[in-house]
Protein backbone atom coordinates (compact mmCIF):
# COMPACT_ATOMS: atom_id res chain seq x y z
CA MET A 1 65.91 30.64 0.58
CA THR A 2 65.62 28.84 -2.31
CA LEU A 3 61.25 27.81 -3.15
CA LEU A 4 61.97 24.40 -1.74
CA ASP A 5 63.00 25.71 1.47
CA ARG A 6 59.95 27.81 1.41
CA LEU A 7 57.71 25.25 0.75
CA LYS A 8 59.21 23.11 3.41
CA ALA A 9 58.99 25.66 5.67
CA GLY A 10 54.99 26.53 4.79
CA ALA A 11 54.60 22.53 5.86
CA ARG A 12 56.10 22.51 8.65
CA SER A 13 53.71 25.61 9.79
CA LEU A 14 50.62 24.02 8.05
CA LEU A 15 51.24 20.68 9.97
CA GLY A 16 52.32 22.32 13.01
CA ASN A 17 50.92 24.83 15.82
CA ARG A 18 47.73 23.38 15.87
CA ARG A 19 47.11 23.80 19.50
CA ALA A 20 45.69 27.59 18.93
CA ASP A 21 42.65 25.75 16.99
CA ILE A 22 42.48 22.73 18.41
CA LEU A 23 38.69 23.42 19.84
CA SER A 24 37.65 24.79 16.62
CA PRO A 25 34.90 21.55 15.61
CA MET A 26 36.67 20.77 12.50
CA GLY A 27 40.23 21.36 12.89
CA PRO A 28 42.72 23.52 11.55
CA ASP A 29 42.21 22.61 7.79
CA ALA A 30 38.25 23.16 7.83
CA GLU A 31 36.75 24.58 4.93
CA SER A 32 37.44 28.12 4.63
CA PRO A 33 37.77 30.90 2.38
CA GLY A 34 41.66 29.87 1.82
CA ALA A 35 40.50 26.97 0.54
CA ARG A 36 40.05 28.89 -2.99
CA ASP A 37 43.59 28.66 -3.29
CA ALA A 38 44.16 25.25 -2.66
CA LEU A 39 44.32 24.20 -6.30
CA SER A 40 47.08 26.25 -7.02
CA ALA A 41 48.94 25.14 -3.81
CA ILE A 42 48.73 21.51 -4.60
CA GLN A 43 49.82 22.13 -8.31
CA GLU A 44 53.02 24.06 -6.70
CA LEU A 45 53.60 21.32 -4.16
CA SER A 46 53.19 18.34 -6.66
CA ARG A 47 55.77 19.96 -9.26
CA VAL A 48 58.22 20.37 -6.45
CA VAL A 49 57.66 16.49 -4.80
CA ARG A 50 58.40 15.48 -8.28
CA ASN A 51 61.87 16.98 -8.05
CA ASP A 52 62.43 15.97 -4.36
CA PRO A 53 60.63 12.57 -3.26
CA ASP A 54 62.27 12.63 -0.29
CA ALA A 55 60.41 15.73 1.04
CA VAL A 56 58.09 13.99 3.62
CA GLU A 57 56.99 17.33 4.95
CA ILE A 58 55.72 18.32 1.29
CA TYR A 59 53.88 14.89 0.68
CA LEU A 60 52.20 15.16 4.57
CA ALA A 61 50.83 19.00 3.07
CA LEU A 62 49.61 17.92 -0.16
CA GLY A 63 47.64 15.05 1.53
CA ASN A 64 45.99 17.94 3.69
CA LEU A 65 45.52 20.25 0.06
CA TYR A 66 43.76 17.42 -1.01
CA ARG A 67 41.70 16.60 1.86
CA LEU A 68 40.93 20.50 2.05
CA ARG A 69 39.69 20.55 -1.57
CA GLY A 70 37.02 16.96 -1.13
CA ASP A 71 39.79 15.06 -2.85
CA ILE A 72 39.93 12.21 0.04
CA GLU A 73 40.95 9.22 -2.22
CA ARG A 74 44.01 11.07 -3.36
CA ALA A 75 44.94 12.12 0.12
CA VAL A 76 44.52 8.77 1.56
CA GLN A 77 46.71 7.90 -1.58
CA ILE A 78 49.79 9.76 -0.77
CA ARG A 79 49.64 8.95 3.02
CA SER A 80 49.47 4.84 2.32
CA SER A 81 52.74 5.52 0.55
CA LEU A 82 54.03 7.71 3.22
CA ILE A 83 53.31 4.66 5.83
CA VAL A 84 54.81 1.86 3.59
CA ARG A 85 58.07 3.69 2.85
CA PRO A 86 60.79 1.49 4.03
CA GLY A 87 63.27 3.47 6.92
CA LEU A 88 60.63 6.20 7.70
CA ASP A 89 61.36 7.85 10.72
CA PRO A 90 58.82 7.15 13.35
CA GLN A 91 57.86 10.54 13.88
CA PHE A 92 57.01 10.72 10.24
CA LYS A 93 54.65 7.38 10.68
CA ALA A 94 52.56 8.43 13.28
CA ARG A 95 52.16 11.95 11.48
CA SER A 96 51.06 10.22 8.63
CA LEU A 97 48.75 8.12 10.61
CA PHE A 98 47.05 10.95 11.95
CA GLU A 99 46.47 12.83 9.06
CA LEU A 100 45.41 9.29 7.63
CA GLY A 101 42.91 8.89 10.56
CA ARG A 102 41.59 12.74 9.79
CA ASP A 103 41.44 11.91 6.03
CA TYR A 104 39.43 8.83 7.03
CA ARG A 105 37.03 10.67 9.34
CA ARG A 106 36.55 13.26 6.54
CA GLY A 107 35.68 10.58 4.32
CA GLY A 108 32.82 9.17 6.82
CA VAL A 109 35.05 5.84 6.72
CA MET A 110 34.73 5.46 11.04
CA ASP A 111 36.40 1.94 11.26
CA ARG A 112 39.24 3.16 9.57
CA ALA A 113 39.30 6.57 11.12
CA LEU A 114 39.82 5.24 14.67
CA ALA A 115 42.49 1.96 13.66
CA ALA A 116 44.82 4.86 12.40
CA PHE A 117 44.34 6.87 15.40
CA ASP A 118 44.86 3.47 17.34
CA GLU A 119 47.81 3.18 15.66
CA ALA A 120 49.53 6.65 15.76
CA ARG A 121 49.20 7.10 19.23
CA ALA A 122 51.02 3.38 19.54
CA LEU A 123 54.03 5.70 18.06
CA GLY A 124 53.86 8.87 20.11
CA ALA A 125 51.32 11.37 17.90
CA ASP A 126 50.41 13.68 20.22
CA PRO A 127 47.56 12.68 22.41
CA GLU A 128 45.92 15.33 22.73
CA GLN A 129 45.54 16.02 19.03
CA ILE A 130 43.87 12.50 18.86
CA THR A 131 41.64 13.04 21.71
CA PHE A 132 40.32 16.11 19.70
CA GLU A 133 40.28 13.91 16.71
CA LEU A 134 37.93 11.44 18.71
CA ALA A 135 35.87 13.84 19.77
CA LEU A 136 35.16 14.78 16.32
CA LEU A 137 34.61 11.38 14.54
CA HIS A 138 32.20 10.68 17.23
CA ALA A 139 30.26 13.99 17.14
CA ASP A 140 30.28 12.79 13.33
CA SER A 141 28.78 9.29 13.79
CA GLY A 142 26.25 10.46 15.92
CA ALA A 143 27.78 9.13 19.62
CA PHE A 144 26.95 12.11 21.46
CA GLN A 145 27.97 10.67 24.90
CA GLU A 146 31.53 9.03 23.86
CA ALA A 147 32.13 12.80 21.97
CA ALA A 148 31.12 14.69 25.51
CA ALA A 149 33.60 12.32 27.43
CA GLN A 150 36.45 13.53 24.75
CA TYR A 151 35.86 17.07 25.05
CA ALA A 152 35.67 16.31 28.47
CA ARG A 153 39.48 14.94 28.72
CA LEU A 154 40.33 18.19 26.45
CA GLY A 155 38.66 20.41 29.27
CA PHE A 156 36.51 22.23 26.61
CA ARG A 157 33.31 22.66 28.58
CA PRO A 158 30.99 24.42 26.37
CA ALA A 159 31.74 21.39 23.83
CA GLN A 160 30.85 18.85 26.64
CA ALA A 161 27.85 20.60 27.22
CA HIS A 162 26.56 20.65 23.89
CA TYR A 163 26.90 17.03 23.28
CA MET A 164 25.83 15.88 26.74
CA VAL A 165 22.58 17.72 25.53
CA ARG A 166 22.38 16.20 22.34
CA HIS A 167 22.72 12.88 23.90
CA ALA A 168 19.87 13.53 26.12
CA GLU A 169 17.51 14.94 23.09
CA ASP A 170 18.03 11.27 21.86
CA LEU A 171 17.20 9.69 25.02
CA ASP A 172 13.83 11.85 25.11
CA ARG A 173 12.95 10.51 21.63
CA CYS A 174 13.55 6.88 22.69
CA GLY A 175 10.90 7.38 25.56
CA ARG A 176 13.72 8.14 28.21
CA PRO A 177 12.57 11.57 29.75
CA ASP A 178 13.90 10.97 33.21
CA GLU A 179 17.24 10.20 31.92
CA ALA A 180 17.45 13.22 29.65
CA ARG A 181 16.36 15.30 32.47
CA ALA A 182 19.28 14.03 34.63
CA LEU A 183 21.77 14.60 31.86
CA LEU A 184 20.94 18.12 30.90
CA ALA A 185 21.02 18.99 34.58
CA ARG A 186 24.59 17.59 34.52
CA ALA A 187 25.45 19.69 31.50
CA VAL A 188 24.36 23.08 33.07
CA LYS A 189 26.64 22.11 36.24
CA VAL A 190 29.14 20.97 33.76
CA TYR A 191 29.17 24.55 31.29
CA PRO A 192 26.36 27.00 33.60
CA GLY A 193 26.34 29.31 30.43
CA ALA A 194 25.19 26.40 27.95
CA VAL A 195 22.27 27.95 26.57
CA GLU A 196 21.57 24.39 24.50
CA ALA A 197 20.73 22.68 28.13
CA TRP A 198 18.74 25.40 29.26
CA ARG A 199 16.75 25.81 26.11
CA ALA A 200 16.15 22.30 26.40
CA ARG A 201 15.12 22.19 29.79
CA LEU A 202 12.73 24.79 29.37
CA VAL A 203 11.15 23.12 26.11
CA MET A 204 10.69 19.68 27.95
CA ALA A 205 9.10 21.66 31.14
CA ALA A 206 6.87 23.32 28.45
CA ARG A 207 6.12 20.64 26.42
CA ALA A 208 5.22 18.51 29.57
CA GLY A 209 2.81 21.07 30.80
CA GLU A 210 4.72 22.09 33.89
CA TRP A 211 4.76 25.93 33.79
CA ARG A 212 5.87 26.55 36.97
CA ARG A 213 9.13 25.16 36.46
CA ALA A 214 9.49 26.35 33.20
CA GLY A 215 9.16 29.63 34.48
CA LYS A 216 11.90 29.03 37.15
CA LEU A 217 14.01 27.56 34.33
CA LEU A 218 13.67 30.24 32.52
CA ARG A 219 14.56 32.96 34.96
CA GLU A 220 17.43 30.91 35.99
CA GLY A 221 19.01 30.56 32.39
CA LEU A 222 18.30 34.53 31.99
CA GLU A 223 20.64 34.70 34.82
CA ARG A 224 23.44 32.56 33.67
CA VAL A 225 23.15 32.48 29.81
CA PRO A 226 25.59 35.35 28.65
CA ALA A 227 23.26 38.63 27.55
CA SER A 228 24.17 38.26 23.96
CA ILE A 229 22.82 34.77 23.82
CA ARG A 230 20.11 34.23 26.12
CA PHE A 231 17.32 35.60 23.31
CA LEU A 232 18.27 31.58 22.22
CA LEU A 233 16.08 30.72 25.41
CA LEU A 234 13.03 32.60 23.76
CA GLU A 235 13.87 31.94 19.79
CA GLY A 236 13.38 27.97 21.09
CA LEU A 237 10.27 28.15 23.41
CA LEU A 238 8.79 30.49 20.48
CA GLU A 239 9.67 27.59 17.92
CA LEU A 240 8.12 24.89 19.95
CA GLU A 241 4.73 24.00 18.47
CA ALA A 242 1.49 24.17 20.63
CA PRO A 243 0.40 20.56 21.35
CA ALA A 244 -2.80 19.23 18.84
CA PRO A 245 -5.74 18.57 20.40
CA ARG A 246 -6.00 14.53 21.84
CA HIS A 247 -9.09 12.94 22.80
CA GLY A 248 -9.59 12.47 26.47
CA ASN A 249 -8.08 8.84 26.92
CA GLY A 250 -4.55 10.30 25.25
CA ALA A 251 -5.27 8.99 21.53
CA ALA A 252 -3.62 10.85 18.87
CA THR A 253 -6.03 13.22 17.28
CA PRO A 254 -6.88 12.51 13.59
CA ASP A 255 -3.93 14.34 11.95
CA GLY A 256 -2.00 12.13 13.39
CA SER A 257 -0.07 13.90 16.47
CA GLY A 258 0.42 11.46 19.12
CA ALA A 259 1.27 11.88 22.60
CA ASN A 260 4.62 11.36 22.88
CA GLY A 261 5.76 12.59 19.40
CA VAL A 262 8.44 15.77 18.76
CA ASN A 263 5.55 17.98 18.84
CA GLY A 264 3.18 16.46 21.24
CA ALA A 265 2.78 16.98 24.74
CA HIS A 266 4.12 15.03 27.38
CA GLY A 267 1.25 14.59 30.16
CA ILE A 268 -0.96 16.96 29.07
CA ASN A 269 -4.75 15.83 28.93
CA GLY A 270 -6.91 17.93 26.66
CA ALA A 271 -5.08 21.25 27.17
CA GLY A 272 -6.36 22.78 23.66
CA SER A 273 -4.02 25.26 21.45
CA ALA A 274 -5.25 27.98 22.87
CA ASP A 275 -4.85 27.40 26.67
CA PHE A 276 -0.92 26.21 25.72
CA GLU A 277 -0.25 29.58 24.02
CA GLU A 278 -1.66 31.52 26.71
CA LYS A 279 0.62 29.74 29.74
CA ARG A 280 3.27 29.96 27.63
CA CYS A 281 2.52 33.76 26.94
CA ALA A 282 2.38 34.39 30.51
CA THR A 283 5.58 32.29 31.62
CA VAL A 284 7.94 33.98 29.36
CA LEU A 285 6.28 37.54 30.23
CA ALA A 286 6.81 37.28 33.88
CA ALA A 287 10.44 35.69 33.50
CA ILE A 288 11.24 39.05 30.77
CA GLU A 289 9.39 41.77 33.08
CA ALA A 290 12.01 40.45 36.13
CA GLN A 291 15.22 41.50 34.20
CA GLU A 292 16.36 44.64 33.28
CA PRO A 293 14.69 46.46 30.37
CA ASP A 294 16.53 44.84 27.24
CA LEU A 295 15.76 45.33 23.29
CA LEU A 296 15.90 41.25 22.51
CA LEU A 297 13.66 40.34 25.52
CA GLN A 298 10.96 43.18 24.60
CA TYR A 299 10.86 42.19 21.43
CA TYR A 300 10.03 38.45 21.82
CA GLY A 301 8.36 39.23 24.70
CA ALA A 302 5.82 41.36 21.76
CA LEU A 303 5.84 38.11 19.64
CA PHE A 304 4.61 35.51 22.26
CA LEU A 305 2.07 38.05 22.97
CA LEU A 306 0.89 38.04 19.14
CA ARG A 307 0.46 33.87 19.40
CA CYS A 308 -1.87 34.76 22.01
CA GLY A 309 -3.58 36.89 20.49
CA ASN A 310 -2.85 40.14 22.53
CA ARG A 311 -1.94 42.49 19.68
CA GLU A 312 -3.01 45.94 21.42
CA GLU A 313 -0.24 44.51 24.47
CA ALA A 314 2.33 43.34 21.64
CA GLY A 315 2.19 46.67 19.99
CA ASN A 316 3.05 48.36 23.62
CA TRP A 317 6.08 45.88 23.93
CA LEU A 318 7.34 46.55 20.23
CA ALA A 319 6.97 50.75 21.29
CA LYS A 320 8.89 49.77 23.88
CA ALA A 321 11.75 48.34 22.01
CA MET A 322 11.96 50.79 19.58
CA VAL A 323 12.65 53.40 22.40
CA LEU A 324 15.59 51.32 23.10
CA ARG A 325 16.93 51.11 19.44
CA PRO A 326 15.04 53.34 17.31
CA ASP A 327 16.28 51.76 14.21
CA PHE A 328 15.63 47.85 14.98
CA TRP A 329 14.04 46.46 11.59
CA ALA A 330 12.28 43.64 13.47
CA ALA A 331 10.32 45.65 15.74
CA ARG A 332 9.30 48.07 13.06
CA LEU A 333 8.38 45.24 10.61
CA GLU A 334 5.98 44.09 13.35
CA LEU A 335 4.55 47.22 14.15
CA LEU A 336 3.94 48.31 10.59
CA SER A 337 2.18 45.00 10.29
CA LEU A 338 0.07 46.13 13.46
CA SER A 339 -0.97 49.23 12.06
CA MET A 340 -1.49 48.51 8.81
CA GLU A 341 -4.51 46.84 10.09
CA GLN A 342 -6.00 50.09 11.40
CA GLN A 343 -5.48 51.86 8.28
CA HIS A 344 -7.89 52.09 5.53
CA LEU A 345 -5.74 51.06 2.47
CA SER A 346 -6.86 50.38 -1.30
CA PRO A 347 -6.64 46.27 -2.22
CA VAL A 348 -4.19 46.91 -4.39
CA PHE A 349 -1.44 48.80 -2.09
CA ARG A 350 -2.53 46.42 0.84
CA SER A 351 -2.06 43.62 -1.28
CA GLN A 352 1.54 45.02 -1.98
CA LEU A 353 2.51 46.00 1.73
CA GLU A 354 1.42 42.41 2.87
CA TYR A 355 3.81 41.17 0.02
CA PHE A 356 6.63 43.15 1.13
CA ILE A 357 5.94 41.96 5.03
CA GLU A 358 5.65 38.54 4.00
CA HIS A 359 8.84 38.56 2.47
CA ALA A 360 10.93 41.15 4.83
CA ARG A 361 9.82 38.33 7.78
CA LYS A 362 12.07 35.63 5.89
CA VAL A 363 15.38 38.13 5.95
CA LYS A 364 18.40 35.83 7.55
CA ARG A 365 17.71 36.94 10.94
CA PHE A 366 20.94 35.89 12.40
CA VAL A 367 24.77 36.24 12.18
CA CYS A 368 28.04 34.82 13.46
CA GLY A 369 29.41 37.64 15.66
CA SER A 370 32.59 36.49 15.05
CA CYS A 371 32.67 35.92 11.11
CA GLY A 372 29.33 37.53 9.95
CA LEU A 373 27.62 34.49 8.28
CA ARG A 374 24.26 35.16 8.05
CA ARG A 375 21.93 32.39 8.73
CA GLU A 376 17.52 31.53 8.76
CA HIS A 377 18.00 29.53 12.08
CA THR A 378 19.81 29.72 15.09
CA PHE A 379 23.28 27.73 15.85
CA SER A 380 25.43 26.66 18.61
CA VAL A 381 28.58 26.81 16.16
CA CYS A 382 29.01 28.87 13.00
CA PRO A 383 29.20 26.66 9.84
CA ARG A 384 31.70 28.88 8.49
CA CYS A 385 34.35 29.86 11.31
CA ARG A 386 33.56 27.13 13.45
CA SER A 387 33.38 29.37 16.50
CA TRP A 388 30.94 28.65 19.38
CA HIS A 389 28.25 30.37 21.00
CA SER A 390 29.09 33.17 18.20
CA ALA A 391 25.20 33.56 17.37
CA THR A 392 23.42 37.00 17.67
CA PHE A 393 20.54 38.56 16.46
CA ARG A 394 20.90 40.89 13.25
CA MET A 395 20.11 44.30 14.45
CA SER A 396 20.45 46.13 11.46
CA LEU A 397 19.35 44.86 7.88
CA GLN A 398 23.20 45.94 7.34
CA ASP A 399 24.91 43.48 9.53
């Protein structure tokens, strides 16, 4: 097989067989460790194309490599030169238009991307691939309702529910909480394990001071969300800030917090931070105690106890976590902080220990179970490998 034949075969492999990763949020040419080799591939393909200008597949592959490197202008030039070529087979023209749409989407030119996809569809391009690209396009542009509809057509329920949640959050920020609640309930029906939907419902109930409802939602969510990611429900409640005290007429306090702001408390009148923390802690602990013993549930229970100032009981919960897994670094760190308060330490040693604990708490706690990417914050989709719901808690510092 000649070099040209090998390159053509590689181009066909690159452009075909997308079905295996069609549900990757960024598509088969997403940024990956292999992108580092794109430059050498571009150079080789460019050399061959100069000797065989009719090698359409190589042109298409070359455009994909330029897009992979972020050179959208060059990628668009290649597609455009193919599209206007006289006598080009309609199949290749459809593929060129499809890739042109992907180029424009990557470059953020959404209207041109839509137009290119429409032309590609008219020429017989794969409708499933176009639907997938439209889902990505709408998601990138913040049209979450349309993105959810496209994923529904693909039958990919995790993504459909995810973007239903994103749209519901927009509705809530726009002062339409009833519509948001209804949409979140529908998202759970679409995909019962949608941790984002359960988390958003919990946060809304807590902000509204509906603690009985929040407890019910938390218990249901802990049962329906996969065990590997149900800690995300507790992380969401932990991140929720206590409402700032408000005047009797519901006006914001002098710090500028409004009744309906992101960190405000919908419907909480005169509830102070301490009361909020106490009710949040009681709600969470009641739900956790109804579950089988679990390392992360015990750990998060301790964190909520610390939030409401119950340090002794928090220590007991951390000790239970250590029984379940003695090498769990996060629980050991909190136990060290608690025990430090009970020790007679020199000022210098105490200062050094406090410095160590403060910086150890900044360790990236979350890791992708698929590719090992470490992150400071939770995620629904891994930013590197694009896998869905792969976030796990980093159990060991070696993970």
